[in-house]
Amino acid sequence: REKVQAAIEQKINGKEITAPKEKKTT
């Protein structure tokens, strides 16, 4: 929910949402 709220703020400010880099799993 916090990520979605932060993404809303990014969209309001005209920024694109970028996917976080995931750690490789073995």
mmCIF file of all heavy atoms, coordinates in Angstrom:
data_MODEL
# 
_entry.id   MODEL 
# 
loop_
_atom_site.group_PDB 
_atom_site.id 
_atom_site.type_symbol 
_atom_site.label_atom_id 
_atom_site.label_alt_id 
_atom_site.label_comp_id 
_atom_site.label_asym_id 
_atom_site.label_entity_id 
_atom_site.label_seq_id 
_atom_site.pdbx_PDB_ins_code 
_atom_site.Cartn_x 
_atom_site.Cartn_y 
_atom_site.Cartn_z 
_atom_site.occupancy 
_atom_site.B_iso_or_equiv 
_atom_site.pdbx_formal_charge 
_atom_site.auth_seq_id 
_atom_site.auth_comp_id 
_atom_site.auth_asym_id 
_atom_site.auth_atom_id 
_atom_site.pdbx_PDB_model_num 
ATOM 1   N N   . ARG A 1 1  ? 0.845  -1.203  0.000   1.00 0.00 ? 1  ARG A N   1 
ATOM 2   C CA  . ARG A 1 1  ? 0.000  0.000   0.000   1.00 0.00 ? 1  ARG A CA  1 
ATOM 3   C C   . ARG A 1 1  ? 0.876  1.248   0.000   1.00 0.00 ? 1  ARG A C   1 
ATOM 4   O O   . ARG A 1 1  ? 0.572  2.229   -0.685  1.00 0.00 ? 1  ARG A O   1 
ATOM 5   C CB  . ARG A 1 1  ? -0.922 -0.012  1.217   1.00 0.00 ? 1  ARG A CB  1 
ATOM 6   C CG  . ARG A 1 1  ? -1.867 1.184   1.296   1.00 0.00 ? 1  ARG A CG  1 
ATOM 7   C CD  . ARG A 1 1  ? -2.730 1.105   2.547   1.00 0.00 ? 1  ARG A CD  1 
ATOM 8   N NE  . ARG A 1 1  ? -3.686 2.192   2.598   1.00 0.00 ? 1  ARG A NE  1 
ATOM 9   C CZ  . ARG A 1 1  ? -3.419 3.415   3.060   1.00 0.00 ? 1  ARG A CZ  1 
ATOM 10  N NH1 . ARG A 1 1  ? -2.202 3.682   3.512   1.00 0.00 ? 1  ARG A NH1 1 
ATOM 11  N NH2 . ARG A 1 1  ? -4.347 4.347   3.075   1.00 0.00 ? 1  ARG A NH2 1 
ATOM 12  N N   . GLU A 1 2  ? 1.959  1.220   0.772   1.00 0.00 ? 2  GLU A N   1 
ATOM 13  C CA  . GLU A 1 2  ? 2.875  2.360   0.817   1.00 0.00 ? 2  GLU A CA  1 
ATOM 14  C C   . GLU A 1 2  ? 3.527  2.589   -0.555  1.00 0.00 ? 2  GLU A C   1 
ATOM 15  O O   . GLU A 1 2  ? 3.745  3.722   -0.968  1.00 0.00 ? 2  GLU A O   1 
ATOM 16  C CB  . GLU A 1 2  ? 3.940  2.129   1.880   1.00 0.00 ? 2  GLU A CB  1 
ATOM 17  C CG  . GLU A 1 2  ? 3.385  2.156   3.306   1.00 0.00 ? 2  GLU A CG  1 
ATOM 18  C CD  . GLU A 1 2  ? 4.458  1.913   4.351   1.00 0.00 ? 2  GLU A CD  1 
ATOM 19  O OE1 . GLU A 1 2  ? 5.613  1.623   3.950   1.00 0.00 ? 2  GLU A OE1 1 
ATOM 20  O OE2 . GLU A 1 2  ? 4.156  2.027   5.552   1.00 0.00 ? 2  GLU A OE2 1 
ATOM 21  N N   . LYS A 1 3  ? 3.849  1.480   -1.236  1.00 0.00 ? 3  LYS A N   1 
ATOM 22  C CA  . LYS A 1 3  ? 4.435  1.600   -2.577  1.00 0.00 ? 3  LYS A CA  1 
ATOM 23  C C   . LYS A 1 3  ? 3.440  2.224   -3.554  1.00 0.00 ? 3  LYS A C   1 
ATOM 24  O O   . LYS A 1 3  ? 3.803  3.054   -4.390  1.00 0.00 ? 3  LYS A O   1 
ATOM 25  C CB  . LYS A 1 3  ? 4.873  0.227   -3.084  1.00 0.00 ? 3  LYS A CB  1 
ATOM 26  C CG  . LYS A 1 3  ? 6.058  -0.377  -2.346  1.00 0.00 ? 3  LYS A CG  1 
ATOM 27  C CD  . LYS A 1 3  ? 6.369  -1.768  -2.881  1.00 0.00 ? 3  LYS A CD  1 
ATOM 28  C CE  . LYS A 1 3  ? 7.497  -2.424  -2.103  1.00 0.00 ? 3  LYS A CE  1 
ATOM 29  N NZ  . LYS A 1 3  ? 7.756  -3.800  -2.601  1.00 0.00 ? 3  LYS A NZ  1 
ATOM 30  N N   . VAL A 1 4  ? 2.174  1.802   -3.447  1.00 0.00 ? 4  VAL A N   1 
ATOM 31  C CA  . VAL A 1 4  ? 1.140  2.357   -4.323  1.00 0.00 ? 4  VAL A CA  1 
ATOM 32  C C   . VAL A 1 4  ? 0.956  3.848   -4.043  1.00 0.00 ? 4  VAL A C   1 
ATOM 33  O O   . VAL A 1 4  ? 0.840  4.657   -4.965  1.00 0.00 ? 4  VAL A O   1 
ATOM 34  C CB  . VAL A 1 4  ? -0.204 1.604   -4.153  1.00 0.00 ? 4  VAL A CB  1 
ATOM 35  C CG1 . VAL A 1 4  ? -1.311 2.284   -4.946  1.00 0.00 ? 4  VAL A CG1 1 
ATOM 36  C CG2 . VAL A 1 4  ? -0.061 0.155   -4.606  1.00 0.00 ? 4  VAL A CG2 1 
ATOM 37  N N   . GLN A 1 5  ? 0.955  4.222   -2.762  1.00 0.00 ? 5  GLN A N   1 
ATOM 38  C CA  . GLN A 1 5  ? 0.802  5.623   -2.394  1.00 0.00 ? 5  GLN A CA  1 
ATOM 39  C C   . GLN A 1 5  ? 1.967  6.459   -2.928  1.00 0.00 ? 5  GLN A C   1 
ATOM 40  O O   . GLN A 1 5  ? 1.781  7.566   -3.449  1.00 0.00 ? 5  GLN A O   1 
ATOM 41  C CB  . GLN A 1 5  ? 0.739  5.754   -0.866  1.00 0.00 ? 5  GLN A CB  1 
ATOM 42  C CG  . GLN A 1 5  ? 0.322  7.138   -0.376  1.00 0.00 ? 5  GLN A CG  1 
ATOM 43  C CD  . GLN A 1 5  ? -1.115 7.496   -0.755  1.00 0.00 ? 5  GLN A CD  1 
ATOM 44  O OE1 . GLN A 1 5  ? -2.044 6.798   -0.378  1.00 0.00 ? 5  GLN A OE1 1 
ATOM 45  N NE2 . GLN A 1 5  ? -1.270 8.572   -1.511  1.00 0.00 ? 5  GLN A NE2 1 
ATOM 46  N N   . ALA A 1 6  ? 3.187  5.901   -2.832  1.00 0.00 ? 6  ALA A N   1 
ATOM 47  C CA  . ALA A 1 6  ? 4.364  6.596   -3.349  1.00 0.00 ? 6  ALA A CA  1 
ATOM 48  C C   . ALA A 1 6  ? 4.286  6.718   -4.874  1.00 0.00 ? 6  ALA A C   1 
ATOM 49  O O   . ALA A 1 6  ? 4.671  7.742   -5.458  1.00 0.00 ? 6  ALA A O   1 
ATOM 50  C CB  . ALA A 1 6  ? 5.629  5.848   -2.946  1.00 0.00 ? 6  ALA A CB  1 
ATOM 51  N N   . ALA A 1 7  ? 3.766  5.658   -5.520  1.00 0.00 ? 7  ALA A N   1 
ATOM 52  C CA  . ALA A 1 7  ? 3.630  5.683   -6.981  1.00 0.00 ? 7  ALA A CA  1 
ATOM 53  C C   . ALA A 1 7  ? 2.620  6.742   -7.420  1.00 0.00 ? 7  ALA A C   1 
ATOM 54  O O   . ALA A 1 7  ? 2.796  7.396   -8.455  1.00 0.00 ? 7  ALA A O   1 
ATOM 55  C CB  . ALA A 1 7  ? 3.212  4.305   -7.490  1.00 0.00 ? 7  ALA A CB  1 
ATOM 56  N N   . ILE A 1 8  ? 1.568  6.925   -6.635  1.00 0.00 ? 8  ILE A N   1 
ATOM 57  C CA  . ILE A 1 8  ? 0.580  7.973   -6.929  1.00 0.00 ? 8  ILE A CA  1 
ATOM 58  C C   . ILE A 1 8  ? 1.253  9.345   -6.907  1.00 0.00 ? 8  ILE A C   1 
ATOM 59  O O   . ILE A 1 8  ? 1.030  10.184  -7.793  1.00 0.00 ? 8  ILE A O   1 
ATOM 60  C CB  . ILE A 1 8  ? -0.580 7.911   -5.922  1.00 0.00 ? 8  ILE A CB  1 
ATOM 61  C CG1 . ILE A 1 8  ? -1.420 6.649   -6.157  1.00 0.00 ? 8  ILE A CG1 1 
ATOM 62  C CG2 . ILE A 1 8  ? -1.470 9.152   -6.026  1.00 0.00 ? 8  ILE A CG2 1 
ATOM 63  C CD1 . ILE A 1 8  ? -2.468 6.387   -5.100  1.00 0.00 ? 8  ILE A CD1 1 
ATOM 64  N N   . GLU A 1 9  ? 2.072  9.567   -5.891  1.00 0.00 ? 9  GLU A N   1 
ATOM 65  C CA  . GLU A 1 9  ? 2.788  10.842  -5.792  1.00 0.00 ? 9  GLU A CA  1 
ATOM 66  C C   . GLU A 1 9  ? 3.728  11.039  -6.981  1.00 0.00 ? 9  GLU A C   1 
ATOM 67  O O   . GLU A 1 9  ? 3.848  12.151  -7.515  1.00 0.00 ? 9  GLU A O   1 
ATOM 68  C CB  . GLU A 1 9  ? 3.583  10.895  -4.476  1.00 0.00 ? 9  GLU A CB  1 
ATOM 69  C CG  . GLU A 1 9  ? 2.727  10.897  -3.217  1.00 0.00 ? 9  GLU A CG  1 
ATOM 70  C CD  . GLU A 1 9  ? 1.820  12.113  -3.150  1.00 0.00 ? 9  GLU A CD  1 
ATOM 71  O OE1 . GLU A 1 9  ? 2.248  13.201  -3.573  1.00 0.00 ? 9  GLU A OE1 1 
ATOM 72  O OE2 . GLU A 1 9  ? 0.670  11.971  -2.683  1.00 0.00 ? 9  GLU A OE2 1 
ATOM 73  N N   . GLN A 1 10 ? 4.381  9.954   -7.407  1.00 0.00 ? 10 GLN A N   1 
ATOM 74  C CA  . GLN A 1 10 ? 5.270  10.036  -8.566  1.00 0.00 ? 10 GLN A CA  1 
ATOM 75  C C   . GLN A 1 10 ? 4.493  10.433  -9.817  1.00 0.00 ? 10 GLN A C   1 
ATOM 76  O O   . GLN A 1 10 ? 4.927  11.276  -10.599 1.00 0.00 ? 10 GLN A O   1 
ATOM 77  C CB  . GLN A 1 10 ? 5.969  8.694   -8.797  1.00 0.00 ? 10 GLN A CB  1 
ATOM 78  C CG  . GLN A 1 10 ? 7.091  8.389   -7.814  1.00 0.00 ? 10 GLN A CG  1 
ATOM 79  C CD  . GLN A 1 10 ? 7.728  7.043   -8.100  1.00 0.00 ? 10 GLN A CD  1 
ATOM 80  O OE1 . GLN A 1 10 ? 7.223  5.999   -7.711  1.00 0.00 ? 10 GLN A OE1 1 
ATOM 81  N NE2 . GLN A 1 10 ? 8.857  7.065   -8.791  1.00 0.00 ? 10 GLN A NE2 1 
ATOM 82  N N   . LYS A 1 11 ? 3.325  9.791   -9.986  1.00 0.00 ? 11 LYS A N   1 
ATOM 83  C CA  . LYS A 1 11 ? 2.491  10.086  -11.156 1.00 0.00 ? 11 LYS A CA  1 
ATOM 84  C C   . LYS A 1 11 ? 2.018  11.542  -11.125 1.00 0.00 ? 11 LYS A C   1 
ATOM 85  O O   . LYS A 1 11 ? 1.993  12.221  -12.159 1.00 0.00 ? 11 LYS A O   1 
ATOM 86  C CB  . LYS A 1 11 ? 1.285  9.150   -11.178 1.00 0.00 ? 11 LYS A CB  1 
ATOM 87  C CG  . LYS A 1 11 ? 1.602  7.704   -11.526 1.00 0.00 ? 11 LYS A CG  1 
ATOM 88  C CD  . LYS A 1 11 ? 1.591  7.495   -13.026 1.00 0.00 ? 11 LYS A CD  1 
ATOM 89  C CE  . LYS A 1 11 ? 1.641  6.021   -13.381 1.00 0.00 ? 11 LYS A CE  1 
ATOM 90  N NZ  . LYS A 1 11 ? 1.608  5.809   -14.848 1.00 0.00 ? 11 LYS A NZ  1 
ATOM 91  N N   . ILE A 1 12 ? 1.630  12.028  -9.961  1.00 0.00 ? 12 ILE A N   1 
ATOM 92  C CA  . ILE A 1 12 ? 1.173  13.413  -9.831  1.00 0.00 ? 12 ILE A CA  1 
ATOM 93  C C   . ILE A 1 12 ? 2.283  14.384  -10.230 1.00 0.00 ? 12 ILE A C   1 
ATOM 94  O O   . ILE A 1 12 ? 2.033  15.418  -10.856 1.00 0.00 ? 12 ILE A O   1 
ATOM 95  C CB  . ILE A 1 12 ? 0.707  13.692  -8.385  1.00 0.00 ? 12 ILE A CB  1 
ATOM 96  C CG1 . ILE A 1 12 ? -0.586 12.916  -8.086  1.00 0.00 ? 12 ILE A CG1 1 
ATOM 97  C CG2 . ILE A 1 12 ? 0.477  15.188  -8.155  1.00 0.00 ? 12 ILE A CG2 1 
ATOM 98  C CD1 . ILE A 1 12 ? -1.026 12.964  -6.643  1.00 0.00 ? 12 ILE A CD1 1 
ATOM 99  N N   . ASN A 1 13 ? 3.511  14.011  -9.885  1.00 0.00 ? 13 ASN A N   1 
ATOM 100 C CA  . ASN A 1 13 ? 4.662  14.864  -10.193 1.00 0.00 ? 13 ASN A CA  1 
ATOM 101 C C   . ASN A 1 13 ? 5.248  14.602  -11.578 1.00 0.00 ? 13 ASN A C   1 
ATOM 102 O O   . ASN A 1 13 ? 6.334  15.090  -11.900 1.00 0.00 ? 13 ASN A O   1 
ATOM 103 C CB  . ASN A 1 13 ? 5.747  14.684  -9.122  1.00 0.00 ? 13 ASN A CB  1 
ATOM 104 C CG  . ASN A 1 13 ? 5.309  15.181  -7.764  1.00 0.00 ? 13 ASN A CG  1 
ATOM 105 O OD1 . ASN A 1 13 ? 4.649  16.222  -7.664  1.00 0.00 ? 13 ASN A OD1 1 
ATOM 106 N ND2 . ASN A 1 13 ? 5.654  14.465  -6.715  1.00 0.00 ? 13 ASN A ND2 1 
ATOM 107 N N   . GLY A 1 14 ? 4.531  13.810  -12.387 1.00 0.00 ? 14 GLY A N   1 
ATOM 108 C CA  . GLY A 1 14 ? 4.946  13.581  -13.759 1.00 0.00 ? 14 GLY A CA  1 
ATOM 109 C C   . GLY A 1 14 ? 6.088  12.603  -13.925 1.00 0.00 ? 14 GLY A C   1 
ATOM 110 O O   . GLY A 1 14 ? 6.722  12.556  -14.995 1.00 0.00 ? 14 GLY A O   1 
ATOM 111 N N   . LYS A 1 15 ? 6.345  11.798  -12.898 1.00 0.00 ? 15 LYS A N   1 
ATOM 112 C CA  . LYS A 1 15 ? 7.441  10.827  -12.988 1.00 0.00 ? 15 LYS A CA  1 
ATOM 113 C C   . LYS A 1 15 ? 6.902  9.444   -13.358 1.00 0.00 ? 15 LYS A C   1 
ATOM 114 O O   . LYS A 1 15 ? 5.775  9.096   -13.014 1.00 0.00 ? 15 LYS A O   1 
ATOM 115 C CB  . LYS A 1 15 ? 8.190  10.762  -11.658 1.00 0.00 ? 15 LYS A CB  1 
ATOM 116 C CG  . LYS A 1 15 ? 8.860  12.072  -11.264 1.00 0.00 ? 15 LYS A CG  1 
ATOM 117 C CD  . LYS A 1 15 ? 9.540  11.932  -9.917  1.00 0.00 ? 15 LYS A CD  1 
ATOM 118 C CE  . LYS A 1 15 ? 10.201 13.235  -9.495  1.00 0.00 ? 15 LYS A CE  1 
ATOM 119 N NZ  . LYS A 1 15 ? 10.864 13.116  -8.163  1.00 0.00 ? 15 LYS A NZ  1 
ATOM 120 N N   . GLU A 1 16 ? 7.732  8.682   -14.050 1.00 0.00 ? 16 GLU A N   1 
ATOM 121 C CA  . GLU A 1 16 ? 7.355  7.327   -14.422 1.00 0.00 ? 16 GLU A CA  1 
ATOM 122 C C   . GLU A 1 16 ? 7.696  6.362   -13.283 1.00 0.00 ? 16 GLU A C   1 
ATOM 123 O O   . GLU A 1 16 ? 8.661  6.570   -12.542 1.00 0.00 ? 16 GLU A O   1 
ATOM 124 C CB  . GLU A 1 16 ? 8.080  6.894   -15.703 1.00 0.00 ? 16 GLU A CB  1 
ATOM 125 C CG  . GLU A 1 16 ? 7.548  7.557   -16.964 1.00 0.00 ? 16 GLU A CG  1 
ATOM 126 C CD  . GLU A 1 16 ? 6.101  7.170   -17.257 1.00 0.00 ? 16 GLU A CD  1 
ATOM 127 O OE1 . GLU A 1 16 ? 5.758  5.993   -17.049 1.00 0.00 ? 16 GLU A OE1 1 
ATOM 128 O OE2 . GLU A 1 16 ? 5.333  8.053   -17.671 1.00 0.00 ? 16 GLU A OE2 1 
ATOM 129 N N   . ILE A 1 17 ? 6.934  5.298   -13.209 1.00 0.00 ? 17 ILE A N   1 
ATOM 130 C CA  . ILE A 1 17 ? 7.197  4.273   -12.201 1.00 0.00 ? 17 ILE A CA  1 
ATOM 131 C C   . ILE A 1 17 ? 8.217  3.289   -12.761 1.00 0.00 ? 17 ILE A C   1 
ATOM 132 O O   . ILE A 1 17 ? 8.068  2.798   -13.880 1.00 0.00 ? 17 ILE A O   1 
ATOM 133 C CB  . ILE A 1 17 ? 5.909  3.520   -11.823 1.00 0.00 ? 17 ILE A CB  1 
ATOM 134 C CG1 . ILE A 1 17 ? 4.890  4.501   -11.235 1.00 0.00 ? 17 ILE A CG1 1 
ATOM 135 C CG2 . ILE A 1 17 ? 6.199  2.404   -10.830 1.00 0.00 ? 17 ILE A CG2 1 
ATOM 136 C CD1 . ILE A 1 17 ? 3.534  3.890   -11.002 1.00 0.00 ? 17 ILE A CD1 1 
ATOM 137 N N   . THR A 1 18 ? 9.256  3.020   -11.985 1.00 0.00 ? 18 THR A N   1 
ATOM 138 C CA  . THR A 1 18 ? 10.275 2.062   -12.417 1.00 0.00 ? 18 THR A CA  1 
ATOM 139 C C   . THR A 1 18 ? 10.244 0.848   -11.506 1.00 0.00 ? 18 THR A C   1 
ATOM 140 O O   . THR A 1 18 ? 10.081 0.968   -10.290 1.00 0.00 ? 18 THR A O   1 
ATOM 141 C CB  . THR A 1 18 ? 11.676 2.697   -12.372 1.00 0.00 ? 18 THR A CB  1 
ATOM 142 O OG1 . THR A 1 18 ? 11.928 3.183   -11.046 1.00 0.00 ? 18 THR A OG1 1 
ATOM 143 C CG2 . THR A 1 18 ? 11.783 3.849   -13.372 1.00 0.00 ? 18 THR A CG2 1 
ATOM 144 N N   . ALA A 1 19 ? 10.400 -0.329  -12.105 1.00 0.00 ? 19 ALA A N   1 
ATOM 145 C CA  . ALA A 1 19 ? 10.387 -1.571  -11.333 1.00 0.00 ? 19 ALA A CA  1 
ATOM 146 C C   . ALA A 1 19 ? 11.705 -1.709  -10.577 1.00 0.00 ? 19 ALA A C   1 
ATOM 147 O O   . ALA A 1 19 ? 12.771 -1.427  -11.124 1.00 0.00 ? 19 ALA A O   1 
ATOM 148 C CB  . ALA A 1 19 ? 10.187 -2.765  -12.261 1.00 0.00 ? 19 ALA A CB  1 
ATOM 149 N N   . PRO A 1 20 ? 11.670 -2.123  -9.323  1.00 0.00 ? 20 PRO A N   1 
ATOM 150 C CA  . PRO A 1 20 ? 12.906 -2.285  -8.549  1.00 0.00 ? 20 PRO A CA  1 
ATOM 151 C C   . PRO A 1 20 ? 13.714 -3.473  -9.068  1.00 0.00 ? 20 PRO A C   1 
ATOM 152 O O   . PRO A 1 20 ? 13.167 -4.419  -9.621  1.00 0.00 ? 20 PRO A O   1 
ATOM 153 C CB  . PRO A 1 20 ? 12.396 -2.540  -7.130  1.00 0.00 ? 20 PRO A CB  1 
ATOM 154 C CG  . PRO A 1 20 ? 11.051 -3.154  -7.319  1.00 0.00 ? 20 PRO A CG  1 
ATOM 155 C CD  . PRO A 1 20 ? 10.478 -2.492  -8.535  1.00 0.00 ? 20 PRO A CD  1 
ATOM 156 N N   . LYS A 1 21 ? 15.019 -3.397  -8.870  1.00 0.00 ? 21 LYS A N   1 
ATOM 157 C CA  . LYS A 1 21 ? 15.887 -4.503  -9.273  1.00 0.00 ? 21 LYS A CA  1 
ATOM 158 C C   . LYS A 1 21 ? 15.770 -5.627  -8.252  1.00 0.00 ? 21 LYS A C   1 
ATOM 159 O O   . LYS A 1 21 ? 15.906 -5.410  -7.055  1.00 0.00 ? 21 LYS A O   1 
ATOM 160 C CB  . LYS A 1 21 ? 17.334 -4.028  -9.374  1.00 0.00 ? 21 LYS A CB  1 
ATOM 161 C CG  . LYS A 1 21 ? 17.576 -3.044  -10.525 1.00 0.00 ? 21 LYS A CG  1 
ATOM 162 C CD  . LYS A 1 21 ? 19.048 -2.665  -10.593 1.00 0.00 ? 21 LYS A CD  1 
ATOM 163 C CE  . LYS A 1 21 ? 19.295 -1.704  -11.774 1.00 0.00 ? 21 LYS A CE  1 
ATOM 164 N NZ  . LYS A 1 21 ? 20.733 -1.305  -11.860 1.00 0.00 ? 21 LYS A NZ  1 
ATOM 165 N N   . GLU A 1 22 ? 15.483 -6.802  -8.768  1.00 0.00 ? 22 GLU A N   1 
ATOM 166 C CA  . GLU A 1 22 ? 15.327 -7.960  -7.886  1.00 0.00 ? 22 GLU A CA  1 
ATOM 167 C C   . GLU A 1 22 ? 16.650 -8.703  -7.756  1.00 0.00 ? 22 GLU A C   1 
ATOM 168 O O   . GLU A 1 22 ? 17.409 -8.830  -8.719  1.00 0.00 ? 22 GLU A O   1 
ATOM 169 C CB  . GLU A 1 22 ? 14.257 -8.916  -8.441  1.00 0.00 ? 22 GLU A CB  1 
ATOM 170 C CG  . GLU A 1 22 ? 12.880 -8.294  -8.582  1.00 0.00 ? 22 GLU A CG  1 
ATOM 171 C CD  . GLU A 1 22 ? 12.132 -8.207  -7.273  1.00 0.00 ? 22 GLU A CD  1 
ATOM 172 O OE1 . GLU A 1 22 ? 12.650 -8.711  -6.259  1.00 0.00 ? 22 GLU A OE1 1 
ATOM 173 O OE2 . GLU A 1 22 ? 11.036 -7.617  -7.263  1.00 0.00 ? 22 GLU A OE2 1 
ATOM 174 N N   . LYS A 1 23 ? 16.924 -9.186  -6.535  1.00 0.00 ? 23 LYS A N   1 
ATOM 175 C CA  . LYS A 1 23 ? 18.120 -9.997  -6.334  1.00 0.00 ? 23 LYS A CA  1 
ATOM 176 C C   . LYS A 1 23 ? 17.935 -11.362 -6.984  1.00 0.00 ? 23 LYS A C   1 
ATOM 177 O O   . LYS A 1 23 ? 16.852 -11.937 -6.955  1.00 0.00 ? 23 LYS A O   1 
ATOM 178 C CB  . LYS A 1 23 ? 18.388 -10.174 -4.840  1.00 0.00 ? 23 LYS A CB  1 
ATOM 179 C CG  . LYS A 1 23 ? 18.790 -8.887  -4.130  1.00 0.00 ? 23 LYS A CG  1 
ATOM 180 C CD  . LYS A 1 23 ? 19.080 -9.164  -2.659  1.00 0.00 ? 23 LYS A CD  1 
ATOM 181 C CE  . LYS A 1 23 ? 19.500 -7.895  -1.939  1.00 0.00 ? 23 LYS A CE  1 
ATOM 182 N NZ  . LYS A 1 23 ? 19.779 -8.159  -0.497  1.00 0.00 ? 23 LYS A NZ  1 
ATOM 183 N N   . LYS A 1 24 ? 19.004 -11.858 -7.564  1.00 0.00 ? 24 LYS A N   1 
ATOM 184 C CA  . LYS A 1 24 ? 18.934 -13.184 -8.171  1.00 0.00 ? 24 LYS A CA  1 
ATOM 185 C C   . LYS A 1 24 ? 18.867 -14.246 -7.087  1.00 0.00 ? 24 LYS A C   1 
ATOM 186 O O   . LYS A 1 24 ? 19.558 -14.179 -6.085  1.00 0.00 ? 24 LYS A O   1 
ATOM 187 C CB  . LYS A 1 24 ? 20.157 -13.417 -9.056  1.00 0.00 ? 24 LYS A CB  1 
ATOM 188 C CG  . LYS A 1 24 ? 20.202 -12.549 -10.314 1.00 0.00 ? 24 LYS A CG  1 
ATOM 189 C CD  . LYS A 1 24 ? 21.395 -12.910 -11.175 1.00 0.00 ? 24 LYS A CD  1 
ATOM 190 C CE  . LYS A 1 24 ? 21.413 -12.074 -12.454 1.00 0.00 ? 24 LYS A CE  1 
ATOM 191 N NZ  . LYS A 1 24 ? 22.580 -12.415 -13.328 1.00 0.00 ? 24 LYS A NZ  1 
ATOM 192 N N   . THR A 1 25 ? 17.995 -15.211 -7.313  1.00 0.00 ? 25 THR A N   1 
ATOM 193 C CA  . THR A 1 25 ? 17.851 -16.302 -6.350  1.00 0.00 ? 25 THR A CA  1 
ATOM 194 C C   . THR A 1 25 ? 18.511 -17.552 -6.896  1.00 0.00 ? 25 THR A C   1 
ATOM 195 O O   . THR A 1 25 ? 18.442 -17.828 -8.090  1.00 0.00 ? 25 THR A O   1 
ATOM 196 C CB  . THR A 1 25 ? 16.363 -16.591 -6.064  1.00 0.00 ? 25 THR A CB  1 
ATOM 197 O OG1 . THR A 1 25 ? 15.697 -16.867 -7.300  1.00 0.00 ? 25 THR A OG1 1 
ATOM 198 C CG2 . THR A 1 25 ? 15.706 -15.399 -5.405  1.00 0.00 ? 25 THR A CG2 1 
ATOM 199 N N   . THR A 1 26 ? 19.140 -18.273 -6.020  1.00 0.00 ? 26 THR A N   1 
ATOM 200 C CA  . THR A 1 26 ? 19.798 -19.520 -6.429  1.00 0.00 ? 26 THR A CA  1 
ATOM 201 C C   . THR A 1 26 ? 18.928 -20.700 -6.032  1.00 0.00 ? 26 THR A C   1 
ATOM 202 O O   . THR A 1 26 ? 18.249 -20.676 -5.007  1.00 0.00 ? 26 THR A O   1 
ATOM 203 C CB  . THR A 1 26 ? 21.173 -19.647 -5.769  1.00 0.00 ? 26 THR A CB  1 
ATOM 204 O OG1 . THR A 1 26 ? 21.017 -19.571 -4.345  1.00 0.00 ? 26 THR A OG1 1 
ATOM 205 C CG2 . THR A 1 26 ? 22.105 -18.532 -6.232  1.00 0.00 ? 26 THR A CG2 1 
# 
